Amino acid sequence: MSARSNFGSTSFDPYGEPVSDDRNASTMQGDRRARNAAIAVFWTLALTLTAGRIYFSEQTFDQTMTLAQAQIAAFVTAIR
């Protein structure tokens, strides 16, 4: 007749540090919401900046493709 007790059990974070159990679920949920909001803001900003660079680019698509092919060819030649 053995019973397991959670008394004295310690949980660990991904880095192996012990985590105290005094954090409640609402704090963890708030952390998750903040992280998700930060991720959404980051990717929105990244896509907006990328789209702006594409829209305001003075090069035509053909020039861009020619330049990309030349850079790839130079890279392949350099690694041989």
PDB file of N, CA and C in Angstrom:
ATOM      1  N   MET A   1       0.836  -1.170   0.000  1.00  0.00           N
ATOM      2  CA  MET A   1       0.000   0.000   0.000  1.00  0.00           C
ATOM      3  C   MET A   1       0.885   1.238   0.000  1.00  0.00           C
ATOM      4  N   SER A   2       1.215   1.646  -1.173  1.00  0.00           N
ATOM      5  CA  SER A   2       2.040   2.847  -1.269  1.00  0.00           C
ATOM      6  C   SER A   2       1.241   3.926  -1.987  1.00  0.00           C
ATOM      7  N   ALA A   3       1.403   5.106  -1.540  1.00  0.00           N
ATOM      8  CA  ALA A   3       0.712   6.243  -2.146  1.00  0.00           C
ATOM      9  C   ALA A   3       1.756   7.281  -2.526  1.00  0.00           C
ATOM     10  N   ARG A   4       1.645   7.750  -3.742  1.00  0.00           N
ATOM     11  CA  ARG A   4       2.572   8.787  -4.174  1.00  0.00           C
ATOM     12  C   ARG A   4       2.078  10.132  -3.672  1.00  0.00           C
ATOM     13  N   SER A   5       3.015  10.924  -3.295  1.00  0.00           N
ATOM     14  CA  SER A   5       2.685  12.244  -2.796  1.00  0.00           C
ATOM     15  C   SER A   5       3.339  13.287  -3.686  1.00  0.00           C
ATOM     16  N   ASN A   6       2.605  14.312  -3.996  1.00  0.00           N
ATOM     17  CA  ASN A   6       3.168  15.406  -4.771  1.00  0.00           C
ATOM     18  C   ASN A   6       3.904  16.397  -3.880  1.00  0.00           C
ATOM     19  N   PHE A   7       3.866  16.150  -2.595  1.00  0.00           N
ATOM     20  CA  PHE A   7       4.550  17.032  -1.667  1.00  0.00           C
ATOM     21  C   PHE A   7       6.057  16.898  -1.867  1.00  0.00           C
ATOM     22  N   GLY A   8       6.707  18.004  -2.108  1.00  0.00           N
ATOM     23  CA  GLY A   8       8.152  17.983  -2.292  1.00  0.00           C
ATOM     24  C   GLY A   8       8.578  17.752  -3.729  1.00  0.00           C
ATOM     25  N   SER A   9       7.629  17.531  -4.632  1.00  0.00           N
ATOM     26  CA  SER A   9       8.020  17.345  -6.027  1.00  0.00           C
ATOM     27  C   SER A   9       8.332  18.712  -6.634  1.00  0.00           C
ATOM     28  N   THR A  10       9.319  18.731  -7.481  1.00  0.00           N
ATOM     29  CA  THR A  10       9.766  19.976  -8.088  1.00  0.00           C
ATOM     30  C   THR A  10       9.637  19.865  -9.587  1.00  0.00           C
ATOM     31  N   SER A  11       9.135  20.902 -10.206  1.00  0.00           N
ATOM     32  CA  SER A  11       9.088  20.930 -11.666  1.00  0.00           C
ATOM     33  C   SER A  11      10.241  21.802 -12.159  1.00  0.00           C
ATOM     34  N   PHE A  12      10.647  21.548 -13.403  1.00  0.00           N
ATOM     35  CA  PHE A  12      11.797  22.242 -13.960  1.00  0.00           C
ATOM     36  C   PHE A  12      11.415  22.925 -15.262  1.00  0.00           C
ATOM     37  N   ASP A  13      12.052  24.060 -15.523  1.00  0.00           N
ATOM     38  CA  ASP A  13      11.836  24.752 -16.787  1.00  0.00           C
ATOM     39  C   ASP A  13      12.723  24.119 -17.860  1.00  0.00           C
ATOM     40  N   PRO A  14      12.607  24.559 -19.135  1.00  0.00           N
ATOM     41  CA  PRO A  14      13.387  23.943 -20.213  1.00  0.00           C
ATOM     42  C   PRO A  14      14.902  24.035 -20.022  1.00  0.00           C
ATOM     43  N   TYR A  15      15.366  24.938 -19.167  1.00  0.00           N
ATOM     44  CA  TYR A  15      16.801  25.093 -18.944  1.00  0.00           C
ATOM     45  C   TYR A  15      17.293  24.306 -17.735  1.00  0.00           C
ATOM     46  N   GLY A  16      16.414  23.553 -17.113  1.00  0.00           N
ATOM     47  CA  GLY A  16      16.799  22.722 -15.983  1.00  0.00           C
ATOM     48  C   GLY A  16      16.747  23.421 -14.642  1.00  0.00           C
ATOM     49  N   GLU A  17      16.234  24.634 -14.612  1.00  0.00           N
ATOM     50  CA  GLU A  17      16.124  25.365 -13.359  1.00  0.00           C
ATOM     51  C   GLU A  17      14.826  24.977 -12.658  1.00  0.00           C
ATOM     52  N   PRO A  18      14.868  24.826 -11.353  1.00  0.00           N
ATOM     53  CA  PRO A  18      13.624  24.499 -10.640  1.00  0.00           C
ATOM     54  C   PRO A  18      12.633  25.658 -10.705  1.00  0.00           C
ATOM     55  N   VAL A  19      11.368  25.311 -10.863  1.00  0.00           N
ATOM     56  CA  VAL A  19      10.307  26.304 -10.968  1.00  0.00           C
ATOM     57  C   VAL A  19       9.398  26.149  -9.764  1.00  0.00           C
ATOM     58  N   SER A  20       9.148  27.258  -9.094  1.00  0.00           N
ATOM     59  CA  SER A  20       8.234  27.188  -7.957  1.00  0.00           C
ATOM     60  C   SER A  20       6.804  27.127  -8.473  1.00  0.00           C
ATOM     61  N   ASP A  21       5.936  26.546  -7.701  1.00  0.00           N
ATOM     62  CA  ASP A  21       4.549  26.357  -8.117  1.00  0.00           C
ATOM     63  C   ASP A  21       3.644  27.497  -7.667  1.00  0.00           C
ATOM     64  N   ASP A  22       4.224  28.640  -7.324  1.00  0.00           N
ATOM     65  CA  ASP A  22       3.388  29.736  -6.849  1.00  0.00           C
ATOM     66  C   ASP A  22       2.774  30.545  -7.988  1.00  0.00           C
ATOM     67  N   ARG A  23       3.131  30.229  -9.219  1.00  0.00           N
ATOM     68  CA  ARG A  23       2.508  30.909 -10.363  1.00  0.00           C
ATOM     69  C   ARG A  23       1.131  30.299 -10.607  1.00  0.00           C
ATOM     70  N   ASN A  24       0.144  31.123 -10.709  1.00  0.00           N
ATOM     71  CA  ASN A  24      -1.198  30.599 -10.955  1.00  0.00           C
ATOM     72  C   ASN A  24      -1.485  30.568 -12.452  1.00  0.00           C
ATOM     73  N   ALA A  25      -2.576  29.965 -12.815  1.00  0.00           N
ATOM     74  CA  ALA A  25      -2.906  29.752 -14.226  1.00  0.00           C
ATOM     75  C   ALA A  25      -3.177  31.064 -14.958  1.00  0.00           C
ATOM     76  N   SER A  26      -3.738  32.049 -14.285  1.00  0.00           N
ATOM     77  CA  SER A  26      -4.034  33.309 -14.967  1.00  0.00           C
ATOM     78  C   SER A  26      -2.757  34.045 -15.354  1.00  0.00           C
ATOM     79  N   THR A  27      -1.731  33.946 -14.534  1.00  0.00           N
ATOM     80  CA  THR A  27      -0.449  34.566 -14.878  1.00  0.00           C
ATOM     81  C   THR A  27       0.152  33.883 -16.087  1.00  0.00           C
ATOM     82  N   MET A  28       0.088  32.570 -16.119  1.00  0.00           N
ATOM     83  CA  MET A  28       0.642  31.834 -17.246  1.00  0.00           C
ATOM     84  C   MET A  28      -0.149  32.136 -18.516  1.00  0.00           C
ATOM     85  N   GLN A  29      -1.472  32.265 -18.386  1.00  0.00           N
ATOM     86  CA  GLN A  29      -2.298  32.587 -19.540  1.00  0.00           C
ATOM     87  C   GLN A  29      -1.991  34.001 -20.026  1.00  0.00           C
ATOM     88  N   GLY A  30      -1.768  34.924 -19.115  1.00  0.00           N
ATOM     89  CA  GLY A  30      -1.399  36.282 -19.494  1.00  0.00           C
ATOM     90  C   GLY A  30      -0.055  36.318 -20.197  1.00  0.00           C
ATOM     91  N   ASP A  31       0.898  35.503 -19.722  1.00  0.00           N
ATOM     92  CA  ASP A  31       2.196  35.409 -20.382  1.00  0.00           C
ATOM     93  C   ASP A  31       2.036  34.882 -21.801  1.00  0.00           C
ATOM     94  N   ARG A  32       1.175  33.897 -21.970  1.00  0.00           N
ATOM     95  CA  ARG A  32       0.948  33.316 -23.297  1.00  0.00           C
ATOM     96  C   ARG A  32       0.326  34.347 -24.234  1.00  0.00           C
ATOM     97  N   ARG A  33      -0.626  35.108 -23.728  1.00  0.00           N
ATOM     98  CA  ARG A  33      -1.256  36.147 -24.552  1.00  0.00           C
ATOM     99  C   ARG A  33      -0.244  37.208 -24.959  1.00  0.00           C
ATOM    100  N   ALA A  34       0.595  37.623 -24.032  1.00  0.00           N
ATOM    101  CA  ALA A  34       1.610  38.634 -24.343  1.00  0.00           C
ATOM    102  C   ALA A  34       2.597  38.109 -25.376  1.00  0.00           C
ATOM    103  N   ARG A  35       3.000  36.857 -25.235  1.00  0.00           N
ATOM    104  CA  ARG A  35       3.933  36.265 -26.197  1.00  0.00           C
ATOM    105  C   ARG A  35       3.294  36.172 -27.577  1.00  0.00           C
ATOM    106  N   ASN A  36       2.044  35.735 -27.647  1.00  0.00           N
ATOM    107  CA  ASN A  36       1.353  35.639 -28.936  1.00  0.00           C
ATOM    108  C   ASN A  36       1.171  37.015 -29.570  1.00  0.00           C
ATOM    109  N   ALA A  37       0.876  38.020 -28.761  1.00  0.00           N
ATOM    110  CA  ALA A  37       0.737  39.378 -29.290  1.00  0.00           C
ATOM    111  C   ALA A  37       2.073  39.886 -29.821  1.00  0.00           C
ATOM    112  N   ALA A  38       3.147  39.615 -29.104  1.00  0.00           N
ATOM    113  CA  ALA A  38       4.475  40.047 -29.556  1.00  0.00           C
ATOM    114  C   ALA A  38       4.860  39.359 -30.858  1.00  0.00           C
ATOM    115  N   ILE A  39       4.541  38.086 -30.981  1.00  0.00           N
ATOM    116  CA  ILE A  39       4.832  37.352 -32.216  1.00  0.00           C
ATOM    117  C   ILE A  39       4.039  37.941 -33.379  1.00  0.00           C
ATOM    118  N   ALA A  40       2.774  38.231 -33.152  1.00  0.00           N
ATOM    119  CA  ALA A  40       1.936  38.804 -34.212  1.00  0.00           C
ATOM    120  C   ALA A  40       2.454  40.176 -34.638  1.00  0.00           C
ATOM    121  N   VAL A  41       2.842  41.004 -33.682  1.00  0.00           N
ATOM    122  CA  VAL A  41       3.373  42.332 -34.010  1.00  0.00           C
ATOM    123  C   VAL A  41       4.678  42.202 -34.784  1.00  0.00           C
ATOM    124  N   PHE A  42       5.557  41.294 -34.362  1.00  0.00           N
ATOM    125  CA  PHE A  42       6.835  41.103 -35.047  1.00  0.00           C
ATOM    126  C   PHE A  42       6.628  40.711 -36.503  1.00  0.00           C
ATOM    127  N   TRP A  43       5.793  39.688 -36.752  1.00  0.00           N
ATOM    128  CA  TRP A  43       5.618  39.218 -38.128  1.00  0.00           C
ATOM    129  C   TRP A  43       4.871  40.233 -38.985  1.00  0.00           C
ATOM    130  N   THR A  44       3.945  40.982 -38.402  1.00  0.00           N
ATOM    131  CA  THR A  44       3.269  42.041 -39.147  1.00  0.00           C
ATOM    132  C   THR A  44       4.264  43.107 -39.578  1.00  0.00           C
ATOM    133  N   LEU A  45       5.139  43.497 -38.670  1.00  0.00           N
ATOM    134  CA  LEU A  45       6.161  44.487 -38.996  1.00  0.00           C
ATOM    135  C   LEU A  45       7.129  43.957 -40.048  1.00  0.00           C
ATOM    136  N   ALA A  46       7.557  42.704 -39.910  1.00  0.00           N
ATOM    137  CA  ALA A  46       8.490  42.120 -40.878  1.00  0.00           C
ATOM    138  C   ALA A  46       7.870  42.057 -42.271  1.00  0.00           C
ATOM    139  N   LEU A  47       6.631  41.613 -42.361  1.00  0.00           N
ATOM    140  CA  LEU A  47       5.968  41.533 -43.666  1.00  0.00           C
ATOM    141  C   LEU A  47       5.706  42.913 -44.258  1.00  0.00           C
ATOM    142  N   THR A  48       5.367  43.878 -43.424  1.00  0.00           N
ATOM    143  CA  THR A  48       5.140  45.239 -43.905  1.00  0.00           C
ATOM    144  C   THR A  48       6.422  45.845 -44.463  1.00  0.00           C
ATOM    145  N   LEU A  49       7.530  45.661 -43.759  1.00  0.00           N
ATOM    146  CA  LEU A  49       8.804  46.188 -44.248  1.00  0.00           C
ATOM    147  C   LEU A  49       9.235  45.505 -45.540  1.00  0.00           C
ATOM    148  N   THR A  50       9.039  44.196 -45.624  1.00  0.00           N
ATOM    149  CA  THR A  50       9.395  43.470 -46.843  1.00  0.00           C
ATOM    150  C   THR A  50       8.525  43.921 -48.012  1.00  0.00           C
ATOM    151  N   ALA A  51       7.235  44.043 -47.780  1.00  0.00           N
ATOM    152  CA  ALA A  51       6.335  44.491 -48.848  1.00  0.00           C
ATOM    153  C   ALA A  51       6.674  45.916 -49.279  1.00  0.00           C
ATOM    154  N   GLY A  52       7.033  46.767 -48.343  1.00  0.00           N
ATOM    155  CA  GLY A  52       7.425  48.132 -48.682  1.00  0.00           C
ATOM    156  C   GLY A  52       8.684  48.182 -49.521  1.00  0.00           C
ATOM    157  N   ARG A  53       9.648  47.348 -49.186  1.00  0.00           N
ATOM    158  CA  ARG A  53      10.878  47.305 -49.989  1.00  0.00           C
ATOM    159  C   ARG A  53      10.587  46.820 -51.398  1.00  0.00           C
ATOM    160  N   ILE A  54       9.703  45.856 -51.529  1.00  0.00           N
ATOM    161  CA  ILE A  54       9.352  45.346 -52.860  1.00  0.00           C
ATOM    162  C   ILE A  54       8.585  46.408 -53.643  1.00  0.00           C
ATOM    163  N   TYR A  55       7.637  47.055 -52.997  1.00  0.00           N
ATOM    164  CA  TYR A  55       6.794  48.036 -53.682  1.00  0.00           C
ATOM    165  C   TYR A  55       7.598  49.248 -54.146  1.00  0.00           C
ATOM    166  N   PHE A  56       8.504  49.730 -53.295  1.00  0.00           N
ATOM    167  CA  PHE A  56       9.257  50.938 -53.618  1.00  0.00           C
ATOM    168  C   PHE A  56      10.579  50.656 -54.325  1.00  0.00           C
ATOM    169  N   SER A  57      10.821  49.422 -54.695  1.00  0.00           N
ATOM    170  CA  SER A  57      12.053  49.077 -55.398  1.00  0.00           C
ATOM    171  C   SER A  57      12.056  49.712 -56.781  1.00  0.00           C
ATOM    172  N   GLU A  58      13.213  50.235 -57.172  1.00  0.00           N
ATOM    173  CA  GLU A  58      13.314  50.888 -58.472  1.00  0.00           C
ATOM    174  C   GLU A  58      13.725  49.912 -59.568  1.00  0.00           C
ATOM    175  N   GLN A  59      14.105  48.708 -59.199  1.00  0.00           N
ATOM    176  CA  GLN A  59      14.512  47.725 -60.193  1.00  0.00           C
ATOM    177  C   GLN A  59      13.287  46.991 -60.720  1.00  0.00           C
ATOM    178  N   THR A  60      13.366  46.629 -61.994  1.00  0.00           N
ATOM    179  CA  THR A  60      12.297  45.817 -62.560  1.00  0.00           C
ATOM    180  C   THR A  60      12.504  44.371 -62.138  1.00  0.00           C
ATOM    181  N   PHE A  61      11.513  43.560 -62.373  1.00  0.00           N
ATOM    182  CA  PHE A  61      11.598  42.152 -61.992  1.00  0.00           C
ATOM    183  C   PHE A  61      12.708  41.445 -62.760  1.00  0.00           C
ATOM    184  N   ASP A  62      12.861  41.772 -64.034  1.00  0.00           N
ATOM    185  CA  ASP A  62      13.910  41.140 -64.845  1.00  0.00           C
ATOM    186  C   ASP A  62      15.302  41.474 -64.314  1.00  0.00           C
ATOM    187  N   GLN A  63      15.511  42.728 -63.917  1.00  0.00           N
ATOM    188  CA  GLN A  63      16.802  43.114 -63.354  1.00  0.00           C
ATOM    189  C   GLN A  63      17.066  42.381 -62.043  1.00  0.00           C
ATOM    190  N   THR A  64      16.038  42.254 -61.235  1.00  0.00           N
ATOM    191  CA  THR A  64      16.177  41.562 -59.959  1.00  0.00           C
ATOM    192  C   THR A  64      16.532  40.100 -60.173  1.00  0.00           C
ATOM    193  N   MET A  65      15.862  39.441 -61.118  1.00  0.00           N
ATOM    194  CA  MET A  65      16.148  38.027 -61.386  1.00  0.00           C
ATOM    195  C   MET A  65      17.551  37.846 -61.960  1.00  0.00           C
ATOM    196  N   THR A  66      17.983  38.747 -62.843  1.00  0.00           N
ATOM    197  CA  THR A  66      19.329  38.670 -63.410  1.00  0.00           C
ATOM    198  C   THR A  66      20.379  38.830 -62.317  1.00  0.00           C
ATOM    199  N   LEU A  67      20.157  39.770 -61.413  1.00  0.00           N
ATOM    200  CA  LEU A  67      21.082  39.978 -60.306  1.00  0.00           C
ATOM    201  C   LEU A  67      21.118  38.761 -59.385  1.00  0.00           C
ATOM    202  N   ALA A  68      19.957  38.181 -59.098  1.00  0.00           N
ATOM    203  CA  ALA A  68      19.900  36.999 -58.237  1.00  0.00           C
ATOM    204  C   ALA A  68      20.625  35.824 -58.876  1.00  0.00           C
ATOM    205  N   GLN A  69      20.442  35.622 -60.172  1.00  0.00           N
ATOM    206  CA  GLN A  69      21.138  34.536 -60.860  1.00  0.00           C
ATOM    207  C   GLN A  69      22.645  34.749 -60.842  1.00  0.00           C
ATOM    208  N   ALA A  70      23.085  35.982 -61.009  1.00  0.00           N
ATOM    209  CA  ALA A  70      24.518  36.278 -60.974  1.00  0.00           C
ATOM    210  C   ALA A  70      25.096  36.024 -59.585  1.00  0.00           C
ATOM    211  N   GLN A  71      24.353  36.384 -58.551  1.00  0.00           N
ATOM    212  CA  GLN A  71      24.829  36.150 -57.188  1.00  0.00           C
ATOM    213  C   GLN A  71      24.892  34.663 -56.874  1.00  0.00           C
ATOM    214  N   ILE A  72      23.911  33.898 -57.318  1.00  0.00           N
ATOM    215  CA  ILE A  72      23.915  32.450 -57.096  1.00  0.00           C
ATOM    216  C   ILE A  72      25.073  31.811 -57.846  1.00  0.00           C
ATOM    217  N   ALA A  73      25.306  32.244 -59.081  1.00  0.00           N
ATOM    218  CA  ALA A  73      26.421  31.700 -59.864  1.00  0.00           C
ATOM    219  C   ALA A  73      27.754  32.021 -59.201  1.00  0.00           C
ATOM    220  N   ALA A  74      27.909  33.229 -58.683  1.00  0.00           N
ATOM    221  CA  ALA A  74      29.145  33.600 -57.998  1.00  0.00           C
ATOM    222  C   ALA A  74      29.334  32.780 -56.727  1.00  0.00           C
ATOM    223  N   PHE A  75      28.262  32.519 -56.016  1.00  0.00           N
ATOM    224  CA  PHE A  75      28.340  31.713 -54.798  1.00  0.00           C
ATOM    225  C   PHE A  75      28.733  30.280 -55.118  1.00  0.00           C
ATOM    226  N   VAL A  76      28.116  29.709 -56.146  1.00  0.00           N
ATOM    227  CA  VAL A  76      28.430  28.331 -56.538  1.00  0.00           C
ATOM    228  C   VAL A  76      29.882  28.234 -56.989  1.00  0.00           C
ATOM    229  N   THR A  77      30.350  29.223 -57.736  1.00  0.00           N
ATOM    230  CA  THR A  77      31.743  29.232 -58.184  1.00  0.00           C
ATOM    231  C   THR A  77      32.694  29.352 -56.993  1.00  0.00           C
ATOM    232  N   ALA A  78      32.321  30.140 -56.000  1.00  0.00           N
ATOM    233  CA  ALA A  78      33.184  30.351 -54.839  1.00  0.00           C
ATOM    234  C   ALA A  78      33.302  29.105 -53.972  1.00  0.00           C
ATOM    235  N   ILE A  79      32.251  28.286 -53.888  1.00  0.00           N
ATOM    236  CA  ILE A  79      32.317  27.112 -53.011  1.00  0.00           C
ATOM    237  C   ILE A  79      32.919  25.897 -53.697  1.00  0.00           C
ATOM    238  N   ARG A  80      33.184  25.965 -54.991  1.00  0.00           N
ATOM    239  CA  ARG A  80      33.798  24.828 -55.689  1.00  0.00           C
ATOM    240  C   ARG A  80      35.251  24.741 -55.434  1.00  0.00           C
TER     241      ARG A  80
END
